Amino acid sequence: MKKIYLAGGCFWGVEAYFKDIKGVEDSLVGYANGNSEKTTYENLYQTDHAETVEISYDGKEESLERILEYFYYIIDPFSINKQGNDVGRQYRSGIFSKDEKDLNKVKDK
């Protein structure tokens, strides 16, 4: 099972979108890329985390490249600290991974 972490506005909307994609096995909402290990919704302004969705996908039916294509359908990568009607740093866009190879693929896109 492969995993990628996507931040692109409200995590509930991103998660709902990816749940309908064949090959996406699971998703989990949370926070990433802040200045502390943990945060809560109440202290996002202090910890500077982004709303993020962990996407678990099979890597067979859906490749990372295809997952990223789906992601770019729903976000504006040039929008700063907002997506659609969601405004604030917690709604900034980002792609995160624990796999260095995946990060290199993202950089090449």
N, C-alpha and C. Protein backbone atom coordinates (compact mmCIF):
# COMPACT_ATOMS: atom_id res chain seq x y z
N MET A 1 0.84 -1.18 0.00
CA MET A 1 0.00 0.00 0.00
C MET A 1 0.89 1.24 0.00
N LYS A 2 0.61 2.16 -0.89
CA LYS A 2 1.34 3.42 -1.00
C LYS A 2 0.56 4.52 -0.29
N LYS A 3 1.30 5.56 0.17
CA LYS A 3 0.65 6.69 0.84
C LYS A 3 1.24 8.00 0.34
N ILE A 4 0.36 8.97 0.22
CA ILE A 4 0.76 10.33 -0.10
C ILE A 4 -0.12 11.25 0.74
N TYR A 5 0.40 12.40 1.10
CA TYR A 5 -0.32 13.34 1.95
C TYR A 5 -0.58 14.60 1.15
N LEU A 6 -1.87 14.96 1.00
CA LEU A 6 -2.26 16.07 0.14
C LEU A 6 -3.00 17.14 0.94
N ALA A 7 -2.54 18.36 0.82
CA ALA A 7 -3.20 19.51 1.43
C ALA A 7 -3.74 20.38 0.31
N GLY A 8 -5.02 20.66 0.36
CA GLY A 8 -5.62 21.45 -0.72
C GLY A 8 -6.95 22.03 -0.32
N GLY A 9 -6.95 22.84 0.72
CA GLY A 9 -8.21 23.41 1.20
C GLY A 9 -8.78 22.56 2.31
N CYS A 10 -10.08 22.59 2.45
CA CYS A 10 -10.75 21.84 3.51
C CYS A 10 -10.50 20.34 3.35
N PHE A 11 -9.97 19.72 4.40
CA PHE A 11 -9.64 18.29 4.26
C PHE A 11 -10.87 17.41 4.08
N TRP A 12 -12.04 17.85 4.55
CA TRP A 12 -13.25 17.04 4.35
C TRP A 12 -13.61 16.95 2.87
N GLY A 13 -13.47 18.05 2.14
CA GLY A 13 -13.77 18.04 0.72
C GLY A 13 -12.77 17.22 -0.08
N VAL A 14 -11.48 17.36 0.24
CA VAL A 14 -10.44 16.59 -0.44
C VAL A 14 -10.66 15.10 -0.18
N GLU A 15 -10.94 14.75 1.06
CA GLU A 15 -11.16 13.35 1.39
C GLU A 15 -12.37 12.78 0.65
N ALA A 16 -13.48 13.52 0.63
CA ALA A 16 -14.68 13.05 -0.05
C ALA A 16 -14.42 12.81 -1.54
N TYR A 17 -13.67 13.68 -2.16
CA TYR A 17 -13.33 13.55 -3.57
C TYR A 17 -12.53 12.27 -3.82
N PHE A 18 -11.50 12.03 -3.02
CA PHE A 18 -10.63 10.88 -3.26
C PHE A 18 -11.28 9.55 -2.89
N LYS A 19 -12.26 9.55 -2.01
CA LYS A 19 -12.93 8.30 -1.64
C LYS A 19 -13.64 7.66 -2.82
N ASP A 20 -14.00 8.46 -3.82
CA ASP A 20 -14.71 7.94 -4.99
C ASP A 20 -13.79 7.46 -6.10
N ILE A 21 -12.49 7.52 -5.91
CA ILE A 21 -11.55 7.15 -6.96
C ILE A 21 -11.14 5.69 -6.78
N LYS A 22 -11.36 4.92 -7.84
CA LYS A 22 -11.00 3.50 -7.81
C LYS A 22 -9.49 3.36 -7.62
N GLY A 23 -9.10 2.50 -6.71
CA GLY A 23 -7.69 2.31 -6.41
C GLY A 23 -7.26 3.02 -5.14
N VAL A 24 -8.06 4.00 -4.69
CA VAL A 24 -7.82 4.64 -3.39
C VAL A 24 -8.47 3.74 -2.35
N GLU A 25 -7.65 3.19 -1.49
CA GLU A 25 -8.12 2.19 -0.52
C GLU A 25 -8.62 2.82 0.77
N ASP A 26 -8.01 3.93 1.19
CA ASP A 26 -8.37 4.53 2.47
C ASP A 26 -7.90 5.98 2.49
N SER A 27 -8.47 6.74 3.40
CA SER A 27 -8.04 8.12 3.59
C SER A 27 -8.22 8.48 5.06
N LEU A 28 -7.46 9.47 5.48
CA LEU A 28 -7.51 9.91 6.87
C LEU A 28 -7.20 11.40 6.89
N VAL A 29 -8.06 12.18 7.55
CA VAL A 29 -7.82 13.62 7.63
C VAL A 29 -6.96 13.93 8.85
N GLY A 30 -6.19 15.00 8.72
CA GLY A 30 -5.33 15.42 9.82
C GLY A 30 -4.60 16.69 9.45
N TYR A 31 -3.47 16.91 10.08
CA TYR A 31 -2.71 18.13 9.88
C TYR A 31 -1.26 17.79 9.58
N ALA A 32 -0.61 18.63 8.77
CA ALA A 32 0.80 18.40 8.41
C ALA A 32 1.52 19.72 8.25
N ASN A 33 2.84 19.62 8.22
CA ASN A 33 3.71 20.73 7.86
C ASN A 33 3.60 21.93 8.80
N GLY A 34 3.48 21.65 10.08
CA GLY A 34 3.43 22.73 11.06
C GLY A 34 4.74 22.82 11.83
N ASN A 35 4.75 23.66 12.85
CA ASN A 35 5.97 23.86 13.61
C ASN A 35 5.97 23.11 14.95
N SER A 36 5.08 22.13 15.07
CA SER A 36 5.07 21.25 16.25
C SER A 36 4.63 19.86 15.79
N GLU A 37 4.83 18.87 16.65
CA GLU A 37 4.45 17.51 16.26
C GLU A 37 2.95 17.30 16.27
N LYS A 38 2.24 17.99 17.14
CA LYS A 38 0.79 17.81 17.25
C LYS A 38 0.10 19.15 17.22
N THR A 39 -1.16 19.11 16.82
CA THR A 39 -1.98 20.31 16.84
C THR A 39 -3.44 19.91 17.00
N THR A 40 -4.26 20.89 17.21
CA THR A 40 -5.72 20.71 17.21
C THR A 40 -6.30 21.85 16.38
N TYR A 41 -7.56 21.72 16.06
CA TYR A 41 -8.22 22.77 15.29
C TYR A 41 -8.15 24.11 16.03
N GLU A 42 -8.25 24.05 17.35
CA GLU A 42 -8.26 25.26 18.16
C GLU A 42 -6.92 26.00 18.16
N ASN A 43 -5.81 25.30 17.98
CA ASN A 43 -4.52 25.99 18.03
C ASN A 43 -3.75 25.97 16.71
N LEU A 44 -4.45 25.85 15.60
CA LEU A 44 -3.80 25.87 14.28
C LEU A 44 -3.01 27.14 14.04
N TYR A 45 -3.51 28.26 14.54
CA TYR A 45 -2.81 29.53 14.29
C TYR A 45 -1.45 29.57 14.98
N GLN A 46 -1.32 28.88 16.10
CA GLN A 46 -0.03 28.83 16.78
C GLN A 46 0.92 27.81 16.14
N THR A 47 0.37 26.69 15.67
CA THR A 47 1.22 25.60 15.17
C THR A 47 1.44 25.66 13.66
N ASP A 48 0.63 26.45 12.94
CA ASP A 48 0.80 26.69 11.51
C ASP A 48 0.73 25.42 10.66
N HIS A 49 -0.12 24.47 11.04
CA HIS A 49 -0.33 23.25 10.26
C HIS A 49 -1.30 23.50 9.10
N ALA A 50 -1.23 22.65 8.10
CA ALA A 50 -2.16 22.68 6.97
C ALA A 50 -3.11 21.49 7.10
N GLU A 51 -4.38 21.71 6.78
CA GLU A 51 -5.33 20.60 6.73
C GLU A 51 -4.88 19.67 5.61
N THR A 52 -4.73 18.39 5.93
CA THR A 52 -4.11 17.43 5.02
C THR A 52 -4.86 16.11 5.04
N VAL A 53 -4.85 15.42 3.92
CA VAL A 53 -5.47 14.10 3.82
C VAL A 53 -4.40 13.07 3.48
N GLU A 54 -4.33 12.02 4.29
CA GLU A 54 -3.46 10.88 3.98
C GLU A 54 -4.25 9.99 3.02
N ILE A 55 -3.71 9.79 1.83
CA ILE A 55 -4.34 8.95 0.81
C ILE A 55 -3.57 7.64 0.72
N SER A 56 -4.24 6.54 0.97
CA SER A 56 -3.65 5.21 0.80
C SER A 56 -4.19 4.63 -0.50
N TYR A 57 -3.29 4.28 -1.39
CA TYR A 57 -3.71 3.78 -2.70
C TYR A 57 -2.90 2.53 -3.06
N ASP A 58 -3.47 1.75 -3.96
CA ASP A 58 -2.88 0.44 -4.25
C ASP A 58 -1.61 0.50 -5.10
N GLY A 59 -1.41 1.55 -5.85
CA GLY A 59 -0.23 1.66 -6.70
C GLY A 59 -0.34 0.86 -7.98
N LYS A 60 -1.40 0.09 -8.12
CA LYS A 60 -1.61 -0.70 -9.35
C LYS A 60 -2.67 -0.02 -10.21
N GLU A 61 -3.87 0.09 -9.67
CA GLU A 61 -4.93 0.76 -10.43
C GLU A 61 -4.67 2.25 -10.53
N GLU A 62 -4.12 2.82 -9.47
CA GLU A 62 -3.81 4.24 -9.46
C GLU A 62 -2.33 4.44 -9.14
N SER A 63 -1.65 5.13 -10.00
CA SER A 63 -0.25 5.47 -9.77
C SER A 63 -0.18 6.81 -9.05
N LEU A 64 0.97 7.13 -8.53
CA LEU A 64 1.15 8.43 -7.90
C LEU A 64 0.88 9.55 -8.91
N GLU A 65 1.34 9.37 -10.13
CA GLU A 65 1.13 10.39 -11.15
C GLU A 65 -0.35 10.65 -11.37
N ARG A 66 -1.13 9.59 -11.39
CA ARG A 66 -2.59 9.74 -11.59
C ARG A 66 -3.25 10.38 -10.37
N ILE A 67 -2.81 10.00 -9.17
CA ILE A 67 -3.33 10.62 -7.95
C ILE A 67 -3.08 12.13 -8.00
N LEU A 68 -1.88 12.51 -8.43
CA LEU A 68 -1.55 13.94 -8.51
C LEU A 68 -2.39 14.65 -9.58
N GLU A 69 -2.67 13.97 -10.68
CA GLU A 69 -3.56 14.55 -11.70
C GLU A 69 -4.92 14.85 -11.10
N TYR A 70 -5.47 13.87 -10.37
CA TYR A 70 -6.76 14.09 -9.70
C TYR A 70 -6.67 15.28 -8.74
N PHE A 71 -5.58 15.36 -8.00
CA PHE A 71 -5.40 16.45 -7.04
C PHE A 71 -5.41 17.81 -7.74
N TYR A 72 -4.71 17.91 -8.87
CA TYR A 72 -4.64 19.19 -9.58
C TYR A 72 -5.97 19.56 -10.25
N TYR A 73 -6.88 18.61 -10.39
CA TYR A 73 -8.22 18.94 -10.88
C TYR A 73 -9.00 19.77 -9.87
N ILE A 74 -8.70 19.57 -8.58
CA ILE A 74 -9.53 20.20 -7.55
C ILE A 74 -8.87 21.37 -6.83
N ILE A 75 -7.60 21.64 -7.11
CA ILE A 75 -6.94 22.77 -6.45
C ILE A 75 -6.39 23.75 -7.48
N ASP A 76 -6.11 24.93 -7.01
CA ASP A 76 -5.37 25.91 -7.78
C ASP A 76 -3.99 25.99 -7.12
N PRO A 77 -2.96 25.38 -7.70
CA PRO A 77 -1.65 25.35 -7.05
C PRO A 77 -1.00 26.73 -6.91
N PHE A 78 -1.54 27.73 -7.59
CA PHE A 78 -0.98 29.07 -7.51
C PHE A 78 -1.70 29.95 -6.49
N SER A 79 -2.75 29.44 -5.90
CA SER A 79 -3.49 30.17 -4.88
C SER A 79 -2.73 30.10 -3.56
N ILE A 80 -2.52 31.23 -2.93
CA ILE A 80 -1.72 31.27 -1.71
C ILE A 80 -2.63 31.34 -0.49
N ASN A 81 -2.48 30.36 0.40
CA ASN A 81 -3.20 30.31 1.66
C ASN A 81 -4.71 30.31 1.52
N LYS A 82 -5.18 29.67 0.45
CA LYS A 82 -6.62 29.50 0.28
C LYS A 82 -6.89 28.54 -0.87
N GLN A 83 -8.07 27.95 -0.81
CA GLN A 83 -8.60 27.17 -1.92
C GLN A 83 -10.10 27.44 -1.95
N GLY A 84 -10.59 27.92 -3.07
CA GLY A 84 -12.01 28.24 -3.17
C GLY A 84 -12.41 29.24 -2.10
N ASN A 85 -13.46 28.92 -1.35
CA ASN A 85 -13.95 29.80 -0.30
C ASN A 85 -13.22 29.62 1.02
N ASP A 86 -12.33 28.65 1.10
CA ASP A 86 -11.57 28.40 2.33
C ASP A 86 -10.34 29.30 2.34
N VAL A 87 -10.28 30.21 3.31
CA VAL A 87 -9.19 31.18 3.36
C VAL A 87 -8.46 31.06 4.70
N GLY A 88 -7.14 31.04 4.64
CA GLY A 88 -6.29 30.95 5.82
C GLY A 88 -5.13 30.01 5.54
N ARG A 89 -4.04 30.16 6.30
CA ARG A 89 -2.85 29.32 6.05
C ARG A 89 -3.13 27.85 6.21
N GLN A 90 -4.11 27.47 7.03
CA GLN A 90 -4.41 26.04 7.21
C GLN A 90 -4.98 25.43 5.93
N TYR A 91 -5.37 26.27 4.95
CA TYR A 91 -5.92 25.78 3.69
C TYR A 91 -4.92 25.86 2.54
N ARG A 92 -3.66 26.11 2.85
CA ARG A 92 -2.65 26.17 1.80
C ARG A 92 -2.47 24.79 1.15
N SER A 93 -1.93 24.79 -0.04
CA SER A 93 -1.72 23.54 -0.78
C SER A 93 -0.36 22.96 -0.47
N GLY A 94 -0.28 21.64 -0.53
CA GLY A 94 1.00 20.98 -0.35
C GLY A 94 0.90 19.51 -0.66
N ILE A 95 2.03 18.94 -0.99
CA ILE A 95 2.15 17.50 -1.24
C ILE A 95 3.29 17.01 -0.37
N PHE A 96 3.00 16.03 0.46
CA PHE A 96 3.98 15.54 1.42
C PHE A 96 4.08 14.02 1.30
N SER A 97 5.25 13.49 1.59
CA SER A 97 5.45 12.05 1.56
C SER A 97 6.60 11.68 2.49
N LYS A 98 6.56 10.47 2.98
CA LYS A 98 7.67 9.93 3.76
C LYS A 98 8.64 9.17 2.85
N ASP A 99 8.27 9.02 1.58
CA ASP A 99 9.06 8.28 0.59
C ASP A 99 9.81 9.27 -0.31
N GLU A 100 11.11 9.29 -0.21
CA GLU A 100 11.94 10.21 -0.99
C GLU A 100 11.72 10.05 -2.50
N LYS A 101 11.52 8.82 -2.96
CA LYS A 101 11.27 8.59 -4.39
C LYS A 101 10.00 9.28 -4.85
N ASP A 102 8.96 9.20 -4.00
CA ASP A 102 7.71 9.88 -4.34
C ASP A 102 7.89 11.39 -4.40
N LEU A 103 8.65 11.93 -3.47
CA LEU A 103 8.90 13.37 -3.48
C LEU A 103 9.65 13.79 -4.74
N ASN A 104 10.56 12.96 -5.20
CA ASN A 104 11.26 13.27 -6.45
C ASN A 104 10.32 13.26 -7.63
N LYS A 105 9.34 12.34 -7.65
CA LYS A 105 8.34 12.31 -8.71
C LYS A 105 7.51 13.58 -8.69
N VAL A 106 7.17 14.03 -7.49
CA VAL A 106 6.38 15.25 -7.35
C VAL A 106 7.16 16.44 -7.89
N LYS A 107 8.42 16.52 -7.57
CA LYS A 107 9.27 17.63 -8.03
C LYS A 107 9.38 17.65 -9.55
N ASP A 108 9.35 16.47 -10.17
CA ASP A 108 9.48 16.36 -11.62
C ASP A 108 8.22 16.77 -12.35
N LYS A 109 7.10 16.85 -11.67
CA LYS A 109 5.82 17.17 -12.32
C LYS A 109 5.74 18.59 -12.76
